[in-house]
PDB file of N, CA and C in Angstrom:
ATOM      1  N   MET A   1      -5.184  -2.128 -15.655  1.00  0.00           N
ATOM      2  CA  MET A   1      -6.297  -2.905 -16.125  1.00  0.00           C
ATOM      3  C   MET A   1      -6.766  -3.823 -14.994  1.00  0.00           C
ATOM      4  N   ALA A   2      -8.050  -3.831 -14.765  1.00  0.00           N
ATOM      5  CA  ALA A   2      -8.612  -4.672 -13.710  1.00  0.00           C
ATOM      6  C   ALA A   2      -8.906  -6.065 -14.268  1.00  0.00           C
ATOM      7  N   TYR A   3      -8.480  -7.054 -13.543  1.00  0.00           N
ATOM      8  CA  TYR A   3      -8.714  -8.431 -13.958  1.00  0.00           C
ATOM      9  C   TYR A   3      -9.859  -9.010 -13.136  1.00  0.00           C
ATOM     10  N   LYS A   4     -10.544  -9.951 -13.708  1.00  0.00           N
ATOM     11  CA  LYS A   4     -11.693 -10.552 -13.047  1.00  0.00           C
ATOM     12  C   LYS A   4     -11.260 -11.292 -11.790  1.00  0.00           C
ATOM     13  N   LEU A   5     -12.144 -11.280 -10.834  1.00  0.00           N
ATOM     14  CA  LEU A   5     -11.890 -11.942  -9.563  1.00  0.00           C
ATOM     15  C   LEU A   5     -11.608 -13.433  -9.753  1.00  0.00           C
ATOM     16  N   GLU A   6     -12.266 -14.026 -10.738  1.00  0.00           N
ATOM     17  CA  GLU A   6     -12.072 -15.454 -10.999  1.00  0.00           C
ATOM     18  C   GLU A   6     -10.628 -15.758 -11.401  1.00  0.00           C
ATOM     19  N   LEU A   7     -10.027 -14.856 -12.187  1.00  0.00           N
ATOM     20  CA  LEU A   7      -8.627 -15.064 -12.594  1.00  0.00           C
ATOM     21  C   LEU A   7      -7.693 -15.002 -11.389  1.00  0.00           C
ATOM     22  N   TRP A   8      -7.950 -14.052 -10.485  1.00  0.00           N
ATOM     23  CA  TRP A   8      -7.124 -13.946  -9.287  1.00  0.00           C
ATOM     24  C   TRP A   8      -7.306 -15.162  -8.388  1.00  0.00           C
ATOM     25  N   GLN A   9      -8.534 -15.656  -8.289  1.00  0.00           N
ATOM     26  CA  GLN A   9      -8.783 -16.846  -7.470  1.00  0.00           C
ATOM     27  C   GLN A   9      -8.091 -18.071  -8.061  1.00  0.00           C
ATOM     28  N   GLU A  10      -8.110 -18.161  -9.388  1.00  0.00           N
ATOM     29  CA  GLU A  10      -7.426 -19.276 -10.049  1.00  0.00           C
ATOM     30  C   GLU A  10      -5.920 -19.208  -9.799  1.00  0.00           C
ATOM     31  N   ALA A  11      -5.357 -18.006  -9.931  1.00  0.00           N
ATOM     32  CA  ALA A  11      -3.925 -17.826  -9.685  1.00  0.00           C
ATOM     33  C   ALA A  11      -3.590 -18.137  -8.230  1.00  0.00           C
ATOM     34  N   LYS A  12      -4.445 -17.702  -7.327  1.00  0.00           N
ATOM     35  CA  LYS A  12      -4.228 -17.958  -5.899  1.00  0.00           C
ATOM     36  C   LYS A  12      -4.182 -19.458  -5.616  1.00  0.00           C
ATOM     37  N   LYS A  13      -5.100 -20.190  -6.226  1.00  0.00           N
ATOM     38  CA  LYS A  13      -5.177 -21.630  -5.998  1.00  0.00           C
ATOM     39  C   LYS A  13      -4.006 -22.372  -6.643  1.00  0.00           C
ATOM     40  N   LYS A  14      -3.754 -22.074  -7.931  1.00  0.00           N
ATOM     41  CA  LYS A  14      -2.704 -22.799  -8.652  1.00  0.00           C
ATOM     42  C   LYS A  14      -1.306 -22.474  -8.145  1.00  0.00           C
ATOM     43  N   CYS A  15      -1.090 -21.231  -7.727  1.00  0.00           N
ATOM     44  CA  CYS A  15       0.244 -20.812  -7.276  1.00  0.00           C
ATOM     45  C   CYS A  15       0.430 -20.955  -5.772  1.00  0.00           C
ATOM     46  N   ARG A  16      -0.628 -21.386  -5.095  1.00  0.00           N
ATOM     47  CA  ARG A  16      -0.599 -21.559  -3.635  1.00  0.00           C
ATOM     48  C   ARG A  16      -0.218 -20.262  -2.928  1.00  0.00           C
ATOM     49  N   LEU A  17      -0.970 -19.201  -3.236  1.00  0.00           N
ATOM     50  CA  LEU A  17      -0.718 -17.890  -2.668  1.00  0.00           C
ATOM     51  C   LEU A  17      -1.749 -17.579  -1.591  1.00  0.00           C
ATOM     52  N   ASN A  18      -1.407 -16.636  -0.718  1.00  0.00           N
ATOM     53  CA  ASN A  18      -2.379 -16.169   0.259  1.00  0.00           C
ATOM     54  C   ASN A  18      -2.858 -14.771  -0.146  1.00  0.00           C
ATOM     55  N   ASP A  19      -3.770 -14.211   0.634  1.00  0.00           N
ATOM     56  CA  ASP A  19      -4.336 -12.909   0.288  1.00  0.00           C
ATOM     57  C   ASP A  19      -3.271 -11.812   0.261  1.00  0.00           C
ATOM     58  N   ASN A  20      -2.306 -11.900   1.141  1.00  0.00           N
ATOM     59  CA  ASN A  20      -1.231 -10.912   1.192  1.00  0.00           C
ATOM     60  C   ASN A  20      -0.388 -10.947  -0.094  1.00  0.00           C
ATOM     61  N   ASP A  21      -0.099 -12.136  -0.581  1.00  0.00           N
ATOM     62  CA  ASP A  21       0.676 -12.284  -1.820  1.00  0.00           C
ATOM     63  C   ASP A  21      -0.101 -11.725  -3.011  1.00  0.00           C
ATOM     64  N   ILE A  22      -1.400 -11.986  -3.047  1.00  0.00           N
ATOM     65  CA  ILE A  22      -2.239 -11.467  -4.131  1.00  0.00           C
ATOM     66  C   ILE A  22      -2.257  -9.943  -4.089  1.00  0.00           C
ATOM     67  N   GLN A  23      -2.352  -9.373  -2.881  1.00  0.00           N
ATOM     68  CA  GLN A  23      -2.367  -7.919  -2.740  1.00  0.00           C
ATOM     69  C   GLN A  23      -1.055  -7.315  -3.241  1.00  0.00           C
ATOM     70  N   LYS A  24       0.061  -7.945  -2.917  1.00  0.00           N
ATOM     71  CA  LYS A  24       1.359  -7.459  -3.384  1.00  0.00           C
ATOM     72  C   LYS A  24       1.433  -7.499  -4.909  1.00  0.00           C
ATOM     73  N   ALA A  25       0.943  -8.592  -5.491  1.00  0.00           N
ATOM     74  CA  ALA A  25       0.954  -8.731  -6.953  1.00  0.00           C
ATOM     75  C   ALA A  25       0.101  -7.652  -7.602  1.00  0.00           C
ATOM     76  N   LYS A  26      -1.045  -7.366  -7.019  1.00  0.00           N
ATOM     77  CA  LYS A  26      -1.916  -6.321  -7.555  1.00  0.00           C
ATOM     78  C   LYS A  26      -1.267  -4.949  -7.447  1.00  0.00           C
ATOM     79  N   GLU A  27      -0.608  -4.675  -6.318  1.00  0.00           N
ATOM     80  CA  GLU A  27       0.072  -3.394  -6.121  1.00  0.00           C
ATOM     81  C   GLU A  27       1.159  -3.180  -7.166  1.00  0.00           C
ATOM     82  N   MET A  28       1.818  -4.263  -7.551  1.00  0.00           N
ATOM     83  CA  MET A  28       2.886  -4.162  -8.543  1.00  0.00           C
ATOM     84  C   MET A  28       2.354  -4.186  -9.968  1.00  0.00           C
ATOM     85  N   GLY A  29       1.054  -4.390 -10.120  1.00  0.00           N
ATOM     86  CA  GLY A  29       0.459  -4.387 -11.445  1.00  0.00           C
ATOM     87  C   GLY A  29       0.674  -5.666 -12.213  1.00  0.00           C
ATOM     88  N   LEU A  30       0.879  -6.770 -11.499  1.00  0.00           N
ATOM     89  CA  LEU A  30       1.083  -8.045 -12.168  1.00  0.00           C
ATOM     90  C   LEU A  30      -0.238  -8.608 -12.675  1.00  0.00           C
ATOM     91  N   ASN A  31      -0.139  -9.418 -13.684  1.00  0.00           N
ATOM     92  CA  ASN A  31      -1.275 -10.051 -14.325  1.00  0.00           C
ATOM     93  C   ASN A  31      -1.450 -11.442 -13.720  1.00  0.00           C
ATOM     94  N   PRO A  32      -2.667 -11.838 -13.345  1.00  0.00           N
ATOM     95  CA  PRO A  32      -2.835 -13.181 -12.778  1.00  0.00           C
ATOM     96  C   PRO A  32      -2.416 -14.287 -13.748  1.00  0.00           C
ATOM     97  N   LYS A  33      -2.551 -14.042 -15.036  1.00  0.00           N
ATOM     98  CA  LYS A  33      -2.122 -15.037 -16.020  1.00  0.00           C
ATOM     99  C   LYS A  33      -0.611 -15.198 -16.001  1.00  0.00           C
ATOM    100  N   SER A  34       0.113 -14.091 -15.774  1.00  0.00           N
ATOM    101  CA  SER A  34       1.576 -14.181 -15.731  1.00  0.00           C
ATOM    102  C   SER A  34       2.032 -14.955 -14.503  1.00  0.00           C
ATOM    103  N   LEU A  35       1.279 -14.864 -13.423  1.00  0.00           N
ATOM    104  CA  LEU A  35       1.625 -15.645 -12.229  1.00  0.00           C
ATOM    105  C   LEU A  35       1.510 -17.134 -12.522  1.00  0.00           C
ATOM    106  N   ILE A  36       0.432 -17.496 -13.207  1.00  0.00           N
ATOM    107  CA  ILE A  36       0.220 -18.908 -13.543  1.00  0.00           C
ATOM    108  C   ILE A  36       1.296 -19.400 -14.503  1.00  0.00           C
ATOM    109  N   LYS A  37       1.696 -18.550 -15.449  1.00  0.00           N
ATOM    110  CA  LYS A  37       2.737 -18.935 -16.407  1.00  0.00           C
ATOM    111  C   LYS A  37       4.087 -19.170 -15.726  1.00  0.00           C
ATOM    112  N   ASN A  38       4.303 -18.505 -14.604  1.00  0.00           N
ATOM    113  CA  ASN A  38       5.599 -18.597 -13.923  1.00  0.00           C
ATOM    114  C   ASN A  38       5.670 -19.697 -12.885  1.00  0.00           C
ATOM    115  N   ILE A  39       4.702 -20.571 -12.866  1.00  0.00           N
ATOM    116  CA  ILE A  39       4.780 -21.729 -11.972  1.00  0.00           C
ATOM    117  C   ILE A  39       5.888 -22.647 -12.491  1.00  0.00           C
ATOM    118  N   PRO A  40       6.886 -22.933 -11.664  1.00  0.00           N
ATOM    119  CA  PRO A  40       7.977 -23.793 -12.147  1.00  0.00           C
ATOM    120  C   PRO A  40       7.519 -25.248 -12.305  1.00  0.00           C
ATOM    121  N   ASN A  41       7.987 -25.871 -13.364  1.00  0.00           N
ATOM    122  CA  ASN A  41       7.706 -27.297 -13.516  1.00  0.00           C
ATOM    123  C   ASN A  41       8.981 -28.085 -13.204  1.00  0.00           C
ATOM    124  N   LYS A  42       8.920 -29.376 -13.331  1.00  0.00           N
ATOM    125  CA  LYS A  42      10.053 -30.227 -12.943  1.00  0.00           C
ATOM    126  C   LYS A  42      11.316 -29.941 -13.751  1.00  0.00           C
ATOM    127  N   ASN A  43      11.162 -29.490 -14.993  1.00  0.00           N
ATOM    128  CA  ASN A  43      12.332 -29.201 -15.832  1.00  0.00           C
ATOM    129  C   ASN A  43      12.926 -27.827 -15.558  1.00  0.00           C
ATOM    130  N   GLU A  44      12.241 -27.015 -14.784  1.00  0.00           N
ATOM    131  CA  GLU A  44      12.711 -25.659 -14.486  1.00  0.00           C
ATOM    132  C   GLU A  44      13.119 -25.550 -13.021  1.00  0.00           C
ATOM    133  N   GLN A  45      14.129 -26.301 -12.660  1.00  0.00           N
ATOM    134  CA  GLN A  45      14.602 -26.334 -11.281  1.00  0.00           C
ATOM    135  C   GLN A  45      15.144 -24.977 -10.821  1.00  0.00           C
ATOM    136  N   TRP A  46      15.558 -24.139 -11.749  1.00  0.00           N
ATOM    137  CA  TRP A  46      16.138 -22.845 -11.439  1.00  0.00           C
ATOM    138  C   TRP A  46      15.089 -21.821 -11.019  1.00  0.00           C
ATOM    139  N   LYS A  47      13.831 -22.065 -11.355  1.00  0.00           N
ATOM    140  CA  LYS A  47      12.765 -21.113 -11.014  1.00  0.00           C
ATOM    141  C   LYS A  47      12.380 -21.257  -9.549  1.00  0.00           C
ATOM    142  N   VAL A  48      12.160 -20.112  -8.899  1.00  0.00           N
ATOM    143  CA  VAL A  48      11.665 -20.135  -7.524  1.00  0.00           C
ATOM    144  C   VAL A  48      10.141 -20.214  -7.562  1.00  0.00           C
ATOM    145  N   PRO A  49       9.521 -20.677  -6.501  1.00  0.00           N
ATOM    146  CA  PRO A  49       8.056 -20.685  -6.464  1.00  0.00           C
ATOM    147  C   PRO A  49       7.493 -19.272  -6.639  1.00  0.00           C
ATOM    148  N   VAL A  50       6.305 -19.187  -7.172  1.00  0.00           N
ATOM    149  CA  VAL A  50       5.685 -17.889  -7.476  1.00  0.00           C
ATOM    150  C   VAL A  50       5.594 -17.023  -6.223  1.00  0.00           C
ATOM    151  N   LYS A  51       5.278 -17.623  -5.106  1.00  0.00           N
ATOM    152  CA  LYS A  51       5.167 -16.880  -3.841  1.00  0.00           C
ATOM    153  C   LYS A  51       6.486 -16.176  -3.513  1.00  0.00           C
ATOM    154  N   ASP A  52       7.585 -16.901  -3.628  1.00  0.00           N
ATOM    155  CA  ASP A  52       8.902 -16.309  -3.355  1.00  0.00           C
ATOM    156  C   ASP A  52       9.258 -15.258  -4.396  1.00  0.00           C
ATOM    157  N   TRP A  53       8.900 -15.513  -5.642  1.00  0.00           N
ATOM    158  CA  TRP A  53       9.163 -14.572  -6.729  1.00  0.00           C
ATOM    159  C   TRP A  53       8.465 -13.243  -6.471  1.00  0.00           C
ATOM    160  N   ILE A  54       7.204 -13.300  -6.071  1.00  0.00           N
ATOM    161  CA  ILE A  54       6.442 -12.085  -5.778  1.00  0.00           C
ATOM    162  C   ILE A  54       7.067 -11.340  -4.609  1.00  0.00           C
ATOM    163  N   ASN A  55       7.373 -12.061  -3.541  1.00  0.00           N
ATOM    164  CA  ASN A  55       7.940 -11.419  -2.352  1.00  0.00           C
ATOM    165  C   ASN A  55       9.307 -10.798  -2.625  1.00  0.00           C
ATOM    166  N   ASP A  56      10.153 -11.477  -3.388  1.00  0.00           N
ATOM    167  CA  ASP A  56      11.468 -10.923  -3.744  1.00  0.00           C
ATOM    168  C   ASP A  56      11.321  -9.650  -4.572  1.00  0.00           C
ATOM    169  N   MET A  57      10.449  -9.705  -5.566  1.00  0.00           N
ATOM    170  CA  MET A  57      10.245  -8.550  -6.430  1.00  0.00           C
ATOM    171  C   MET A  57       9.649  -7.380  -5.639  1.00  0.00           C
ATOM    172  N   TYR A  58       8.725  -7.684  -4.737  1.00  0.00           N
ATOM    173  CA  TYR A  58       8.088  -6.643  -3.926  1.00  0.00           C
ATOM    174  C   TYR A  58       9.119  -5.957  -3.033  1.00  0.00           C
ATOM    175  N   GLU A  59       9.980  -6.742  -2.405  1.00  0.00           N
ATOM    176  CA  GLU A  59      11.015  -6.174  -1.533  1.00  0.00           C
ATOM    177  C   GLU A  59      12.000  -5.306  -2.318  1.00  0.00           C
ATOM    178  N   LYS A  60      12.395  -5.772  -3.505  1.00  0.00           N
ATOM    179  CA  LYS A  60      13.321  -4.994  -4.327  1.00  0.00           C
ATOM    180  C   LYS A  60      12.703  -3.659  -4.737  1.00  0.00           C
ATOM    181  N   ARG A  61      11.443  -3.684  -5.131  1.00  0.00           N
ATOM    182  CA  ARG A  61      10.762  -2.451  -5.521  1.00  0.00           C
ATOM    183  C   ARG A  61      10.578  -1.528  -4.326  1.00  0.00           C
ATOM    184  N   LYS A  62      10.293  -2.100  -3.182  1.00  0.00           N
ATOM    185  CA  LYS A  62      10.121  -1.314  -1.968  1.00  0.00           C
ATOM    186  C   LYS A  62      11.431  -0.607  -1.599  1.00  0.00           C
ATOM    187  N   GLN A  63      12.535  -1.342  -1.665  1.00  0.00           N
ATOM    188  CA  GLN A  63      13.838  -0.754  -1.362  1.00  0.00           C
ATOM    189  C   GLN A  63      14.179   0.342  -2.358  1.00  0.00           C
ATOM    190  N   LYS A  64      13.876   0.109  -3.622  1.00  0.00           N
ATOM    191  CA  LYS A  64      14.155   1.096  -4.658  1.00  0.00           C
ATOM    192  C   LYS A  64      13.350   2.377  -4.416  1.00  0.00           C
ATOM    193  N   MET A  65      12.087   2.226  -4.043  1.00  0.00           N
ATOM    194  CA  MET A  65      11.247   3.392  -3.769  1.00  0.00           C
ATOM    195  C   MET A  65      11.751   4.161  -2.551  1.00  0.00           C
ATOM    196  N   GLU A  66      12.150   3.438  -1.504  1.00  0.00           N
ATOM    197  CA  GLU A  66      12.672   4.083  -0.306  1.00  0.00           C
ATOM    198  C   GLU A  66      13.952   4.849  -0.612  1.00  0.00           C
ATOM    199  N   LYS A  67      14.814   4.262  -1.429  1.00  0.00           N
ATOM    200  CA  LYS A  67      16.056   4.922  -1.810  1.00  0.00           C
ATOM    201  C   LYS A  67      15.760   6.202  -2.584  1.00  0.00           C
ATOM    202  N   LYS A  68      14.792   6.115  -3.485  1.00  0.00           N
ATOM    203  CA  LYS A  68      14.405   7.272  -4.282  1.00  0.00           C
ATOM    204  C   LYS A  68      13.834   8.383  -3.394  1.00  0.00           C
ATOM    205  N   GLN A  69      13.009   8.013  -2.430  1.00  0.00           N
ATOM    206  CA  GLN A  69      12.425   8.994  -1.518  1.00  0.00           C
ATOM    207  C   GLN A  69      13.498   9.653  -0.660  1.00  0.00           C
ATOM    208  N   ASN A  70      14.470   8.873  -0.206  1.00  0.00           N
ATOM    209  CA  ASN A  70      15.558   9.427   0.588  1.00  0.00           C
ATOM    210  C   ASN A  70      16.389  10.408  -0.230  1.00  0.00           C
ATOM    211  N   GLU A  71      16.623  10.098  -1.499  1.00  0.00           N
ATOM    212  CA  GLU A  71      17.371  11.004  -2.368  1.00  0.00           C
ATOM    213  C   GLU A  71      16.611  12.302  -2.576  1.00  0.00           C
ATOM    214  N   LYS A  72      15.291  12.210  -2.707  1.00  0.00           N
ATOM    215  CA  LYS A  72      14.480  13.427  -2.868  1.00  0.00           C
ATOM    216  C   LYS A  72      14.569  14.296  -1.608  1.00  0.00           C
ATOM    217  N   ARG A  73      14.485  13.655  -0.457  1.00  0.00           N
ATOM    218  CA  ARG A  73      14.580  14.398   0.813  1.00  0.00           C
ATOM    219  C   ARG A  73      15.920  15.108   0.935  1.00  0.00           C
ATOM    220  N   GLU A  74      16.992  14.414   0.550  1.00  0.00           N
ATOM    221  CA  GLU A  74      18.317  15.010   0.625  1.00  0.00           C
ATOM    222  C   GLU A  74      18.444  16.192  -0.330  1.00  0.00           C
ATOM    223  N   ASN A  75      17.856  16.080  -1.515  1.00  0.00           N
ATOM    224  CA  ASN A  75      17.912  17.172  -2.473  1.00  0.00           C
ATOM    225  C   ASN A  75      17.088  18.372  -2.023  1.00  0.00           C
ATOM    226  N   ILE A  76      16.017  18.157  -1.317  1.00  0.00           N
ATOM    227  CA  ILE A  76      15.174  19.250  -0.811  1.00  0.00           C
ATOM    228  C   ILE A  76      15.914  19.993   0.288  1.00  0.00           C
ATOM    229  N   ASN A  77      16.652  19.272   1.106  1.00  0.00           N
ATOM    230  CA  ASN A  77      17.356  19.894   2.226  1.00  0.00           C
ATOM    231  C   ASN A  77      18.517  20.780   1.774  1.00  0.00           C
ATOM    232  N   PHE A  78      18.999  20.590   0.569  1.00  0.00           N
ATOM    233  CA  PHE A  78      20.126  21.410   0.091  1.00  0.00           C
ATOM    234  C   PHE A  78      19.672  22.561  -0.675  1.00  0.00           C
TER     235      PHE A  78
END
């Protein structure tokens, strides 16, 4: 589902994200509203900033995809 540019701009501003972070969020299919909801407040010291959350999730998914691709390559070779 495509979200309006205004929602992404609002999320970018409120979450202090850059264009690269927004692109990663879009690639993963995240909702700009969910990014805003995940902004940690003072009572949620355990939450990481949205920027770090996006980057961590992106790296984990990237590693998972690479592992899956390597397994496919190994299965083709046999």
